[in-house]
Amino acid sequence: MQLKSPIGGVILENTVPDNIEELKRHAADRTSYKTRLAAVEELGKFKCQQSKDILWRLMLNDRVHTVQHRAFLKLQAFGETVKLPRKRKGHLVKDINRRLGVVFTAIGGIYSEEKFNEKFKEMYPEFYDIYMYEKGNGFNRWVQNVLASLPKPKPKA
């Protein structure tokens, strides 16, 4: 059975998508919010219990607010009683400043933005994804500010 979605598109009632396993993997990919957003859009076309379960999990637990919001809208279109979680304020990841310091130390102190970003993505892919999305174009400036505010290492005597 087909239903018209209030936010556009057609919803297939009680139809499980053929690629549900692939969509589950995409929804669980913590290293790319774009992949999770694409999975939300695709899951929103199928009103089956598996799709609802995945959308609920993303709405409640994803650290990128846009992914949460899109999952919320899809569940709302399905007729679910949902409440959008508040957007997190402050540090999105506990001890992010310390972790950036670890990356800084790992590359030897002197760095280019590209080299630092590569190492950050390699060491902490989930946190890199979260902050790349949240900070957008200001990501590199934010990293520089955090690194400048870190305590300087004490010289060894």
N, C-alpha and C. Protein backbone atom coordinates (compact mmCIF):
# COMPACT_ATOMS: atom_id res chain seq x y z
N MET A 1 0.84 -1.18 0.00
CA MET A 1 0.00 0.00 0.00
C MET A 1 0.89 1.24 0.00
N GLN A 2 0.53 2.24 -0.80
CA GLN A 2 1.30 3.46 -0.88
C GLN A 2 0.58 4.58 -0.16
N LEU A 3 1.34 5.38 0.57
CA LEU A 3 0.82 6.56 1.25
C LEU A 3 1.59 7.77 0.76
N LYS A 4 0.96 8.94 0.79
CA LYS A 4 1.64 10.18 0.45
C LYS A 4 2.26 10.73 1.72
N SER A 5 3.52 11.07 1.67
CA SER A 5 4.20 11.64 2.82
C SER A 5 3.93 13.14 2.87
N PRO A 6 3.66 13.70 4.07
CA PRO A 6 3.43 15.13 4.17
C PRO A 6 4.69 15.94 3.85
N ILE A 7 5.86 15.33 3.92
CA ILE A 7 7.09 16.06 3.60
C ILE A 7 7.61 15.70 2.21
N GLY A 8 6.76 15.14 1.39
CA GLY A 8 7.12 14.83 0.01
C GLY A 8 7.51 13.38 -0.17
N GLY A 9 7.19 12.85 -1.33
CA GLY A 9 7.55 11.47 -1.64
C GLY A 9 6.44 10.49 -1.32
N VAL A 10 6.68 9.24 -1.64
CA VAL A 10 5.72 8.16 -1.42
C VAL A 10 6.31 7.22 -0.38
N ILE A 11 5.47 6.77 0.54
CA ILE A 11 5.89 5.81 1.56
C ILE A 11 5.25 4.47 1.24
N LEU A 12 6.04 3.42 1.22
CA LEU A 12 5.52 2.07 0.99
C LEU A 12 5.20 1.44 2.34
N GLU A 13 3.93 1.16 2.57
CA GLU A 13 3.45 0.60 3.84
C GLU A 13 3.84 -0.87 3.96
N ASN A 14 4.42 -1.24 5.10
CA ASN A 14 4.75 -2.63 5.43
C ASN A 14 5.62 -3.33 4.39
N THR A 15 6.45 -2.57 3.69
CA THR A 15 7.35 -3.14 2.71
C THR A 15 8.78 -2.99 3.21
N VAL A 16 9.48 -4.09 3.31
CA VAL A 16 10.89 -4.05 3.74
C VAL A 16 11.75 -3.80 2.52
N PRO A 17 12.66 -2.82 2.58
CA PRO A 17 13.51 -2.57 1.42
C PRO A 17 14.41 -3.78 1.12
N ASP A 18 14.69 -3.99 -0.15
CA ASP A 18 15.54 -5.11 -0.56
C ASP A 18 16.95 -5.00 0.03
N ASN A 19 17.41 -3.77 0.19
CA ASN A 19 18.78 -3.54 0.66
C ASN A 19 18.81 -3.15 2.15
N ILE A 20 17.96 -3.75 2.97
CA ILE A 20 17.86 -3.37 4.38
C ILE A 20 19.18 -3.58 5.12
N GLU A 21 19.92 -4.64 4.81
CA GLU A 21 21.20 -4.89 5.49
C GLU A 21 22.22 -3.80 5.16
N GLU A 22 22.23 -3.38 3.91
CA GLU A 22 23.12 -2.30 3.50
C GLU A 22 22.73 -1.00 4.20
N LEU A 23 21.43 -0.73 4.28
CA LEU A 23 20.96 0.48 4.96
C LEU A 23 21.30 0.46 6.45
N LYS A 24 21.23 -0.72 7.07
CA LYS A 24 21.64 -0.85 8.48
C LYS A 24 23.11 -0.48 8.64
N ARG A 25 23.95 -0.97 7.73
CA ARG A 25 25.38 -0.66 7.80
C ARG A 25 25.62 0.83 7.61
N HIS A 26 24.91 1.43 6.65
CA HIS A 26 25.07 2.87 6.41
C HIS A 26 24.60 3.68 7.61
N ALA A 27 23.52 3.26 8.23
CA ALA A 27 23.00 3.98 9.40
C ALA A 27 23.95 3.85 10.59
N ALA A 28 24.72 2.78 10.64
CA ALA A 28 25.65 2.56 11.75
C ALA A 28 27.05 3.12 11.48
N ASP A 29 27.26 3.71 10.32
CA ASP A 29 28.58 4.23 9.95
C ASP A 29 28.85 5.53 10.71
N ARG A 30 29.61 5.45 11.77
CA ARG A 30 29.88 6.61 12.63
C ARG A 30 30.93 7.55 12.05
N THR A 31 31.54 7.17 10.93
CA THR A 31 32.60 8.00 10.37
C THR A 31 32.11 8.95 9.28
N SER A 32 30.82 8.89 8.92
CA SER A 32 30.31 9.77 7.87
C SER A 32 28.84 10.12 8.10
N TYR A 33 28.60 11.36 8.51
CA TYR A 33 27.22 11.79 8.71
C TYR A 33 26.46 11.82 7.39
N LYS A 34 27.16 12.03 6.27
CA LYS A 34 26.49 12.05 4.96
C LYS A 34 25.91 10.69 4.63
N THR A 35 26.64 9.63 4.96
CA THR A 35 26.16 8.27 4.73
C THR A 35 24.93 8.00 5.59
N ARG A 36 24.96 8.44 6.85
CA ARG A 36 23.82 8.24 7.74
C ARG A 36 22.60 9.03 7.25
N LEU A 37 22.82 10.25 6.77
CA LEU A 37 21.70 11.05 6.24
C LEU A 37 21.07 10.37 5.02
N ALA A 38 21.90 9.84 4.14
CA ALA A 38 21.38 9.13 2.97
C ALA A 38 20.58 7.90 3.39
N ALA A 39 21.05 7.20 4.42
CA ALA A 39 20.33 6.03 4.93
C ALA A 39 18.98 6.44 5.51
N VAL A 40 18.94 7.56 6.22
CA VAL A 40 17.68 8.06 6.79
C VAL A 40 16.69 8.36 5.67
N GLU A 41 17.15 9.02 4.62
CA GLU A 41 16.27 9.36 3.51
C GLU A 41 15.69 8.10 2.86
N GLU A 42 16.53 7.10 2.67
CA GLU A 42 16.07 5.85 2.04
C GLU A 42 15.14 5.08 2.97
N LEU A 43 15.48 5.00 4.25
CA LEU A 43 14.62 4.28 5.21
C LEU A 43 13.26 4.96 5.36
N GLY A 44 13.23 6.27 5.17
CA GLY A 44 11.98 7.01 5.28
C GLY A 44 10.97 6.69 4.20
N LYS A 45 11.38 5.96 3.19
CA LYS A 45 10.47 5.57 2.11
C LYS A 45 9.74 4.26 2.40
N PHE A 46 10.15 3.56 3.46
CA PHE A 46 9.58 2.25 3.77
C PHE A 46 9.08 2.22 5.21
N LYS A 47 7.77 2.08 5.36
CA LYS A 47 7.18 2.06 6.70
C LYS A 47 7.08 0.62 7.19
N CYS A 48 8.22 0.06 7.55
CA CYS A 48 8.25 -1.29 8.12
C CYS A 48 8.89 -1.18 9.50
N GLN A 49 8.76 -2.20 10.30
CA GLN A 49 9.27 -2.14 11.67
C GLN A 49 10.79 -1.98 11.71
N GLN A 50 11.50 -2.62 10.80
CA GLN A 50 12.96 -2.50 10.78
C GLN A 50 13.39 -1.06 10.50
N SER A 51 12.72 -0.42 9.54
CA SER A 51 13.04 0.98 9.23
C SER A 51 12.75 1.87 10.43
N LYS A 52 11.61 1.64 11.07
CA LYS A 52 11.25 2.44 12.25
C LYS A 52 12.28 2.28 13.35
N ASP A 53 12.71 1.04 13.60
CA ASP A 53 13.68 0.78 14.67
C ASP A 53 15.00 1.51 14.41
N ILE A 54 15.46 1.46 13.18
CA ILE A 54 16.73 2.13 12.84
C ILE A 54 16.57 3.65 12.97
N LEU A 55 15.45 4.18 12.48
CA LEU A 55 15.21 5.62 12.58
C LEU A 55 15.10 6.08 14.04
N TRP A 56 14.45 5.27 14.87
CA TRP A 56 14.35 5.59 16.30
C TRP A 56 15.75 5.66 16.91
N ARG A 57 16.58 4.67 16.60
CA ARG A 57 17.94 4.64 17.16
C ARG A 57 18.73 5.88 16.74
N LEU A 58 18.63 6.23 15.46
CA LEU A 58 19.35 7.41 14.98
C LEU A 58 18.81 8.69 15.61
N MET A 59 17.50 8.78 15.76
CA MET A 59 16.92 9.98 16.35
C MET A 59 17.37 10.16 17.80
N LEU A 60 17.45 9.08 18.54
CA LEU A 60 17.79 9.17 19.96
C LEU A 60 19.29 9.25 20.22
N ASN A 61 20.11 8.61 19.40
CA ASN A 61 21.51 8.43 19.76
C ASN A 61 22.55 9.08 18.86
N ASP A 62 22.16 9.58 17.70
CA ASP A 62 23.18 10.14 16.81
C ASP A 62 23.72 11.44 17.39
N ARG A 63 25.01 11.67 17.22
CA ARG A 63 25.63 12.87 17.78
C ARG A 63 25.53 14.07 16.84
N VAL A 64 25.17 13.85 15.58
CA VAL A 64 24.98 14.95 14.64
C VAL A 64 23.50 15.31 14.64
N HIS A 65 23.21 16.54 15.02
CA HIS A 65 21.82 16.95 15.22
C HIS A 65 20.98 16.85 13.94
N THR A 66 21.56 17.14 12.79
CA THR A 66 20.81 17.07 11.54
C THR A 66 20.34 15.65 11.25
N VAL A 67 21.16 14.66 11.56
CA VAL A 67 20.75 13.26 11.39
C VAL A 67 19.57 12.96 12.32
N GLN A 68 19.67 13.42 13.57
CA GLN A 68 18.57 13.24 14.52
C GLN A 68 17.29 13.88 14.00
N HIS A 69 17.42 15.11 13.49
CA HIS A 69 16.25 15.86 13.03
C HIS A 69 15.59 15.18 11.83
N ARG A 70 16.39 14.72 10.87
CA ARG A 70 15.81 14.05 9.70
C ARG A 70 15.11 12.75 10.09
N ALA A 71 15.72 11.99 11.02
CA ALA A 71 15.09 10.75 11.49
C ALA A 71 13.78 11.09 12.20
N PHE A 72 13.77 12.16 12.97
CA PHE A 72 12.56 12.64 13.65
C PHE A 72 11.46 12.94 12.63
N LEU A 73 11.80 13.66 11.56
CA LEU A 73 10.80 14.01 10.54
C LEU A 73 10.24 12.77 9.85
N LYS A 74 11.11 11.80 9.57
CA LYS A 74 10.64 10.56 8.92
C LYS A 74 9.71 9.79 9.84
N LEU A 75 10.05 9.69 11.12
CA LEU A 75 9.18 8.98 12.07
C LEU A 75 7.85 9.71 12.22
N GLN A 76 7.90 11.03 12.22
CA GLN A 76 6.68 11.83 12.31
C GLN A 76 5.79 11.57 11.09
N ALA A 77 6.40 11.46 9.91
CA ALA A 77 5.65 11.18 8.69
C ALA A 77 5.00 9.79 8.75
N PHE A 78 5.63 8.87 9.49
CA PHE A 78 5.06 7.53 9.67
C PHE A 78 3.91 7.53 10.67
N GLY A 79 3.68 8.65 11.35
CA GLY A 79 2.61 8.71 12.34
C GLY A 79 3.05 8.32 13.74
N GLU A 80 4.35 8.22 13.96
CA GLU A 80 4.87 7.87 15.28
C GLU A 80 4.78 9.09 16.21
N THR A 81 4.59 8.84 17.49
CA THR A 81 4.61 9.91 18.49
C THR A 81 6.05 10.09 18.92
N VAL A 82 6.67 11.16 18.46
CA VAL A 82 8.09 11.37 18.71
C VAL A 82 8.35 12.76 19.27
N LYS A 83 9.46 12.89 19.98
CA LYS A 83 9.91 14.18 20.49
C LYS A 83 11.37 14.34 20.12
N LEU A 84 11.68 15.42 19.45
CA LEU A 84 13.05 15.66 19.00
C LEU A 84 13.95 15.98 20.19
N PRO A 85 15.06 15.25 20.33
CA PRO A 85 16.00 15.58 21.42
C PRO A 85 16.62 16.96 21.19
N ARG A 86 16.97 17.62 22.28
CA ARG A 86 17.61 18.93 22.18
C ARG A 86 18.99 18.81 21.56
N LYS A 87 19.38 19.89 20.90
CA LYS A 87 20.73 19.93 20.34
C LYS A 87 21.70 20.09 21.50
N ARG A 88 22.76 19.30 21.49
CA ARG A 88 23.76 19.37 22.55
C ARG A 88 24.51 20.69 22.46
N LYS A 89 24.84 21.22 23.62
CA LYS A 89 25.62 22.46 23.67
C LYS A 89 26.96 22.18 24.33
N GLY A 90 27.88 23.08 24.13
CA GLY A 90 29.20 22.89 24.72
C GLY A 90 30.00 21.87 23.93
N HIS A 91 30.86 21.16 24.63
CA HIS A 91 31.68 20.14 23.98
C HIS A 91 30.81 18.94 23.62
N LEU A 92 30.84 18.57 22.36
CA LEU A 92 30.05 17.43 21.90
C LEU A 92 30.72 16.11 22.26
N VAL A 93 32.02 16.16 22.48
CA VAL A 93 32.79 14.97 22.83
C VAL A 93 33.59 15.29 24.09
N LYS A 94 33.47 14.43 25.08
CA LYS A 94 34.20 14.63 26.33
C LYS A 94 35.71 14.59 26.05
N ASP A 95 36.44 15.50 26.66
CA ASP A 95 37.90 15.57 26.55
C ASP A 95 38.39 15.78 25.13
N ILE A 96 37.64 16.50 24.32
CA ILE A 96 38.08 16.72 22.93
C ILE A 96 39.37 17.52 22.88
N ASN A 97 39.54 18.47 23.80
CA ASN A 97 40.77 19.27 23.81
C ASN A 97 41.99 18.37 24.06
N ARG A 98 41.86 17.45 25.01
CA ARG A 98 42.96 16.53 25.31
C ARG A 98 43.25 15.65 24.09
N ARG A 99 42.20 15.20 23.42
CA ARG A 99 42.38 14.33 22.25
C ARG A 99 43.07 15.08 21.11
N LEU A 100 42.72 16.35 20.94
CA LEU A 100 43.41 17.14 19.91
C LEU A 100 44.87 17.32 20.29
N GLY A 101 45.15 17.44 21.58
CA GLY A 101 46.54 17.51 22.05
C GLY A 101 47.29 16.23 21.74
N VAL A 102 46.63 15.09 21.87
CA VAL A 102 47.25 13.80 21.55
C VAL A 102 47.59 13.74 20.06
N VAL A 103 46.69 14.22 19.22
CA VAL A 103 46.95 14.24 17.77
C VAL A 103 48.13 15.17 17.48
N PHE A 104 48.14 16.33 18.13
CA PHE A 104 49.21 17.31 17.95
C PHE A 104 50.56 16.70 18.32
N THR A 105 50.60 15.99 19.43
CA THR A 105 51.83 15.33 19.88
C THR A 105 52.23 14.21 18.90
N ALA A 106 51.24 13.49 18.38
CA ALA A 106 51.52 12.37 17.48
C ALA A 106 52.16 12.82 16.17
N ILE A 107 51.85 14.04 15.73
CA ILE A 107 52.45 14.51 14.46
C ILE A 107 53.74 15.29 14.70
N GLY A 108 54.14 15.41 15.94
CA GLY A 108 55.44 16.01 16.24
C GLY A 108 55.41 17.50 16.49
N GLY A 109 54.26 18.08 16.69
CA GLY A 109 54.19 19.49 17.06
C GLY A 109 54.02 20.45 15.91
N ILE A 110 54.90 20.43 14.93
CA ILE A 110 54.79 21.35 13.79
C ILE A 110 53.93 20.65 12.74
N TYR A 111 52.94 21.38 12.22
CA TYR A 111 51.98 20.71 11.34
C TYR A 111 51.40 21.67 10.31
N SER A 112 50.84 21.08 9.26
CA SER A 112 50.01 21.82 8.32
C SER A 112 48.57 21.40 8.63
N GLU A 113 47.62 22.21 8.22
CA GLU A 113 46.21 21.88 8.49
C GLU A 113 45.85 20.52 7.88
N GLU A 114 46.31 20.28 6.66
CA GLU A 114 45.99 19.01 5.98
C GLU A 114 46.55 17.82 6.74
N LYS A 115 47.80 17.94 7.17
CA LYS A 115 48.45 16.84 7.88
C LYS A 115 47.74 16.58 9.22
N PHE A 116 47.40 17.66 9.92
CA PHE A 116 46.71 17.52 11.20
C PHE A 116 45.35 16.87 11.00
N ASN A 117 44.59 17.35 10.01
CA ASN A 117 43.25 16.79 9.75
C ASN A 117 43.32 15.31 9.38
N GLU A 118 44.31 14.93 8.58
CA GLU A 118 44.48 13.51 8.23
C GLU A 118 44.73 12.66 9.47
N LYS A 119 45.62 13.15 10.34
CA LYS A 119 45.96 12.39 11.55
C LYS A 119 44.77 12.33 12.50
N PHE A 120 44.03 13.44 12.63
CA PHE A 120 42.84 13.48 13.49
C PHE A 120 41.81 12.48 12.99
N LYS A 121 41.59 12.47 11.66
CA LYS A 121 40.62 11.54 11.07
C LYS A 121 41.07 10.09 11.25
N GLU A 122 42.37 9.86 11.17
CA GLU A 122 42.91 8.51 11.33
C GLU A 122 42.77 8.02 12.78
N MET A 123 43.06 8.90 13.74
CA MET A 123 43.06 8.50 15.15
C MET A 123 41.66 8.48 15.76
N TYR A 124 40.83 9.45 15.40
CA TYR A 124 39.49 9.58 15.98
C TYR A 124 38.46 9.86 14.89
N PRO A 125 38.15 8.87 14.04
CA PRO A 125 37.27 9.13 12.88
C PRO A 125 35.87 9.62 13.26
N GLU A 126 35.29 9.08 14.34
CA GLU A 126 33.94 9.50 14.73
C GLU A 126 33.94 10.96 15.19
N PHE A 127 34.92 11.34 15.99
CA PHE A 127 34.98 12.71 16.50
C PHE A 127 35.29 13.69 15.38
N TYR A 128 36.13 13.28 14.44
CA TYR A 128 36.43 14.11 13.28
C TYR A 128 35.15 14.40 12.51
N ASP A 129 34.35 13.37 12.28
CA ASP A 129 33.09 13.51 11.55
C ASP A 129 32.15 14.48 12.27
N ILE A 130 32.01 14.33 13.57
CA ILE A 130 31.10 15.17 14.36
C ILE A 130 31.51 16.64 14.25
N TYR A 131 32.78 16.91 14.50
CA TYR A 131 33.23 18.30 14.51
C TYR A 131 33.35 18.90 13.12
N MET A 132 33.67 18.11 12.11
CA MET A 132 33.68 18.63 10.73
C MET A 132 32.28 19.11 10.36
N TYR A 133 31.26 18.36 10.77
CA TYR A 133 29.89 18.78 10.48
C TYR A 133 29.52 20.01 11.30
N GLU A 134 29.72 19.94 12.61
CA GLU A 134 29.27 21.01 13.50
C GLU A 134 29.99 22.33 13.26
N LYS A 135 31.28 22.28 12.98
CA LYS A 135 32.06 23.51 12.81
C LYS A 135 32.05 24.00 11.37
N GLY A 136 31.78 23.12 10.43
CA GLY A 136 31.70 23.53 9.02
C GLY A 136 32.98 24.20 8.54
N ASN A 137 32.84 25.37 7.93
CA ASN A 137 33.99 26.10 7.39
C ASN A 137 34.93 26.60 8.48
N GLY A 138 34.45 26.70 9.71
CA GLY A 138 35.28 27.19 10.81
C GLY A 138 36.06 26.10 11.52
N PHE A 139 36.09 24.90 10.95
CA PHE A 139 36.75 23.76 11.61
C PHE A 139 38.23 24.03 11.88
N ASN A 140 38.97 24.47 10.85
CA ASN A 140 40.41 24.68 11.02
C ASN A 140 40.70 25.80 12.01
N ARG A 141 39.91 26.85 11.99
CA ARG A 141 40.08 27.95 12.95
C ARG A 141 39.82 27.44 14.37
N TRP A 142 38.78 26.61 14.54
CA TRP A 142 38.47 26.03 15.85
C TRP A 142 39.64 25.18 16.35
N VAL A 143 40.20 24.34 15.47
CA VAL A 143 41.34 23.49 15.86
C VAL A 143 42.51 24.37 16.30
N GLN A 144 42.81 25.42 15.55
CA GLN A 144 43.92 26.31 15.91
C GLN A 144 43.68 26.95 17.28
N ASN A 145 42.44 27.38 17.55
CA ASN A 145 42.13 27.99 18.84
C ASN A 145 42.29 26.99 19.98
N VAL A 146 41.83 25.77 19.78
CA VAL A 146 41.97 24.74 20.82
C VAL A 146 43.43 24.44 21.08
N LEU A 147 44.21 24.26 20.01
CA LEU A 147 45.63 23.95 20.18
C LEU A 147 46.37 25.10 20.85
N ALA A 148 45.99 26.34 20.54
CA ALA A 148 46.64 27.50 21.17
C ALA A 148 46.31 27.58 22.66
N SER A 149 45.15 27.06 23.05
CA SER A 149 44.75 27.14 24.46
C SER A 149 45.27 25.99 25.31
N LEU A 150 45.88 24.99 24.68
CA LEU A 150 46.40 23.85 25.44
C LEU A 150 47.62 24.28 26.26
N PRO A 151 47.80 23.68 27.43
CA PRO A 151 48.99 24.02 28.22
C PRO A 151 50.26 23.58 27.49
N LYS A 152 51.27 24.39 27.60
CA LYS A 152 52.54 24.08 26.94
C LYS A 152 53.24 22.97 27.73
N PRO A 153 53.88 22.03 27.03
CA PRO A 153 54.58 20.95 27.75
C PRO A 153 55.76 21.52 28.54
N LYS A 154 55.97 20.98 29.72
CA LYS A 154 57.07 21.43 30.57
C LYS A 154 58.37 20.82 30.05
N PRO A 155 59.41 21.63 29.97
CA PRO A 155 60.70 21.07 29.52
C PRO A 155 61.24 20.09 30.55
N LYS A 156 61.82 19.02 30.06
CA LYS A 156 62.37 18.00 30.96
C LYS A 156 63.74 18.46 31.45
N ALA A 157 63.94 18.32 32.74
CA ALA A 157 65.20 18.80 33.33
C ALA A 157 66.26 17.74 33.34
